[in-house]
Amino acid sequence: MADIFTVAQAAEFLGVTDSRVKRLARESLLNNVGGDAAEPTFSSDEVKRYKELAERIGGI
C-alpha cells in the first residue's frame, strides 16, 4: 500500500507551494484520497507519477 502525502508533503516532494498542490487537486490533476477539500491527502504513488509526467512535458 502506498504512503499518504499531506498537502505540505506533496508540495515539498514536487518543489511547489501548498497552494499549487491544492490547485492541482481542484483541477483533478491530483486525486484527494481521504482529506477534506480544504486539506486533501494524496497517494504517494500518484504524486510520484504526476511529477514524472510533469517533468516529461516540461515542468510542474
N, C-alpha and C. Protein backbone atom coordinates (compact mmCIF):
# COMPACT_ATOMS: atom_id res chain seq x y z
N MET A 1 0.84 -1.19 0.00
CA MET A 1 0.00 0.00 0.00
C MET A 1 0.88 1.25 0.00
N ALA A 2 0.45 2.24 -0.76
CA ALA A 2 1.21 3.47 -0.89
C ALA A 2 1.07 4.32 0.37
N ASP A 3 2.08 5.11 0.62
CA ASP A 3 2.01 6.08 1.70
C ASP A 3 1.06 7.20 1.30
N ILE A 4 0.63 7.97 2.28
CA ILE A 4 -0.26 9.11 2.04
C ILE A 4 0.53 10.39 2.27
N PHE A 5 0.41 11.32 1.32
CA PHE A 5 1.05 12.63 1.43
C PHE A 5 0.02 13.67 1.84
N THR A 6 0.40 14.53 2.74
CA THR A 6 -0.39 15.73 3.03
C THR A 6 -0.09 16.76 1.94
N VAL A 7 -0.79 17.86 1.97
CA VAL A 7 -0.51 18.94 1.02
C VAL A 7 0.95 19.39 1.16
N ALA A 8 1.40 19.60 2.39
CA ALA A 8 2.77 20.07 2.62
C ALA A 8 3.80 19.06 2.12
N GLN A 9 3.56 17.77 2.36
CA GLN A 9 4.50 16.75 1.90
C GLN A 9 4.53 16.67 0.38
N ALA A 10 3.36 16.74 -0.25
CA ALA A 10 3.30 16.72 -1.72
C ALA A 10 4.01 17.95 -2.29
N ALA A 11 3.78 19.10 -1.68
CA ALA A 11 4.41 20.34 -2.15
C ALA A 11 5.93 20.24 -2.05
N GLU A 12 6.41 19.73 -0.95
CA GLU A 12 7.86 19.58 -0.78
C GLU A 12 8.42 18.61 -1.82
N PHE A 13 7.77 17.49 -2.02
CA PHE A 13 8.22 16.50 -2.98
C PHE A 13 8.24 17.07 -4.41
N LEU A 14 7.20 17.84 -4.75
CA LEU A 14 7.10 18.39 -6.09
C LEU A 14 7.90 19.67 -6.27
N GLY A 15 8.31 20.30 -5.17
CA GLY A 15 9.06 21.55 -5.26
C GLY A 15 8.18 22.73 -5.61
N VAL A 16 6.94 22.70 -5.12
CA VAL A 16 5.98 23.78 -5.38
C VAL A 16 5.37 24.25 -4.06
N THR A 17 4.52 25.24 -4.11
CA THR A 17 3.86 25.74 -2.91
C THR A 17 2.64 24.88 -2.56
N ASP A 18 2.21 25.01 -1.32
CA ASP A 18 1.00 24.32 -0.87
C ASP A 18 -0.19 24.73 -1.73
N SER A 19 -0.29 26.02 -2.06
CA SER A 19 -1.44 26.48 -2.84
C SER A 19 -1.44 25.87 -4.24
N ARG A 20 -0.28 25.62 -4.81
CA ARG A 20 -0.20 24.95 -6.12
C ARG A 20 -0.73 23.52 -6.02
N VAL A 21 -0.38 22.82 -4.95
CA VAL A 21 -0.87 21.45 -4.77
C VAL A 21 -2.39 21.45 -4.61
N LYS A 22 -2.91 22.39 -3.84
CA LYS A 22 -4.37 22.47 -3.68
C LYS A 22 -5.04 22.77 -5.02
N ARG A 23 -4.41 23.59 -5.85
CA ARG A 23 -4.97 23.88 -7.17
C ARG A 23 -4.94 22.63 -8.04
N LEU A 24 -3.86 21.86 -7.98
CA LEU A 24 -3.80 20.61 -8.73
C LEU A 24 -4.93 19.67 -8.31
N ALA A 25 -5.25 19.66 -7.03
CA ALA A 25 -6.35 18.83 -6.54
C ALA A 25 -7.69 19.37 -7.06
N ARG A 26 -7.89 20.68 -7.00
CA ARG A 26 -9.15 21.26 -7.50
C ARG A 26 -9.34 20.98 -8.98
N GLU A 27 -8.23 20.95 -9.73
CA GLU A 27 -8.28 20.72 -11.17
C GLU A 27 -8.26 19.22 -11.51
N SER A 28 -8.33 18.37 -10.48
CA SER A 28 -8.35 16.90 -10.63
C SER A 28 -7.08 16.35 -11.29
N LEU A 29 -5.97 17.06 -11.10
CA LEU A 29 -4.68 16.56 -11.57
C LEU A 29 -4.02 15.69 -10.51
N LEU A 30 -4.43 15.89 -9.27
CA LEU A 30 -4.09 15.01 -8.15
C LEU A 30 -5.41 14.66 -7.47
N ASN A 31 -5.63 13.40 -7.20
CA ASN A 31 -6.89 12.97 -6.58
C ASN A 31 -6.77 12.90 -5.07
N ASN A 32 -7.72 13.54 -4.41
CA ASN A 32 -7.81 13.52 -2.96
C ASN A 32 -8.25 12.12 -2.53
N VAL A 33 -7.45 11.48 -1.66
CA VAL A 33 -7.77 10.11 -1.25
C VAL A 33 -8.32 10.00 0.17
N GLY A 34 -8.60 11.12 0.80
CA GLY A 34 -9.14 10.97 2.14
C GLY A 34 -9.33 12.23 2.94
N GLY A 35 -8.66 13.28 2.59
CA GLY A 35 -8.82 14.51 3.35
C GLY A 35 -10.04 15.27 2.85
N ASP A 36 -10.37 16.36 3.52
CA ASP A 36 -11.47 17.17 3.04
C ASP A 36 -10.95 18.13 1.96
N ALA A 37 -11.84 18.90 1.38
CA ALA A 37 -11.46 19.79 0.28
C ALA A 37 -10.43 20.83 0.71
N ALA A 38 -10.49 21.27 1.97
CA ALA A 38 -9.55 22.27 2.46
C ALA A 38 -8.16 21.69 2.70
N GLU A 39 -8.08 20.44 3.10
CA GLU A 39 -6.80 19.77 3.37
C GLU A 39 -6.80 18.37 2.76
N PRO A 40 -6.69 18.30 1.44
CA PRO A 40 -6.70 16.99 0.79
C PRO A 40 -5.45 16.17 1.12
N THR A 41 -5.54 14.88 0.92
CA THR A 41 -4.38 13.98 1.03
C THR A 41 -4.28 13.18 -0.26
N PHE A 42 -3.07 12.71 -0.53
CA PHE A 42 -2.80 12.10 -1.82
C PHE A 42 -1.97 10.83 -1.66
N SER A 43 -2.19 9.87 -2.53
CA SER A 43 -1.36 8.68 -2.59
C SER A 43 0.04 9.10 -3.04
N SER A 44 1.06 8.62 -2.35
CA SER A 44 2.43 8.97 -2.74
C SER A 44 2.73 8.47 -4.15
N ASP A 45 2.18 7.33 -4.52
CA ASP A 45 2.40 6.81 -5.88
C ASP A 45 1.84 7.77 -6.93
N GLU A 46 0.67 8.33 -6.66
CA GLU A 46 0.07 9.26 -7.61
C GLU A 46 0.89 10.55 -7.71
N VAL A 47 1.37 11.04 -6.58
CA VAL A 47 2.19 12.26 -6.60
C VAL A 47 3.48 12.00 -7.39
N LYS A 48 4.08 10.84 -7.21
CA LYS A 48 5.30 10.49 -7.95
C LYS A 48 5.01 10.39 -9.45
N ARG A 49 3.88 9.77 -9.83
CA ARG A 49 3.51 9.67 -11.24
C ARG A 49 3.27 11.05 -11.83
N TYR A 50 2.60 11.92 -11.08
CA TYR A 50 2.36 13.27 -11.57
C TYR A 50 3.70 13.99 -11.82
N LYS A 51 4.63 13.86 -10.89
CA LYS A 51 5.93 14.53 -11.05
C LYS A 51 6.65 14.02 -12.29
N GLU A 52 6.65 12.71 -12.49
CA GLU A 52 7.31 12.13 -13.68
C GLU A 52 6.68 12.66 -14.96
N LEU A 53 5.35 12.69 -15.02
CA LEU A 53 4.66 13.18 -16.20
C LEU A 53 4.95 14.66 -16.42
N ALA A 54 4.84 15.45 -15.37
CA ALA A 54 5.07 16.89 -15.48
C ALA A 54 6.50 17.18 -15.96
N GLU A 55 7.47 16.44 -15.48
CA GLU A 55 8.85 16.65 -15.90
C GLU A 55 9.04 16.29 -17.38
N ARG A 56 8.32 15.26 -17.84
CA ARG A 56 8.43 14.87 -19.25
C ARG A 56 7.82 15.91 -20.18
N ILE A 57 6.77 16.61 -19.72
CA ILE A 57 6.12 17.57 -20.61
C ILE A 57 6.60 19.00 -20.37
N GLY A 58 7.59 19.18 -19.53
CA GLY A 58 8.23 20.48 -19.44
C GLY A 58 8.06 21.24 -18.14
N GLY A 59 7.64 20.60 -17.08
CA GLY A 59 7.61 21.29 -15.80
C GLY A 59 6.30 21.13 -15.07
N ILE A 60 6.38 21.43 -13.78
CA ILE A 60 5.23 21.23 -12.91
C ILE A 60 4.38 22.45 -12.91
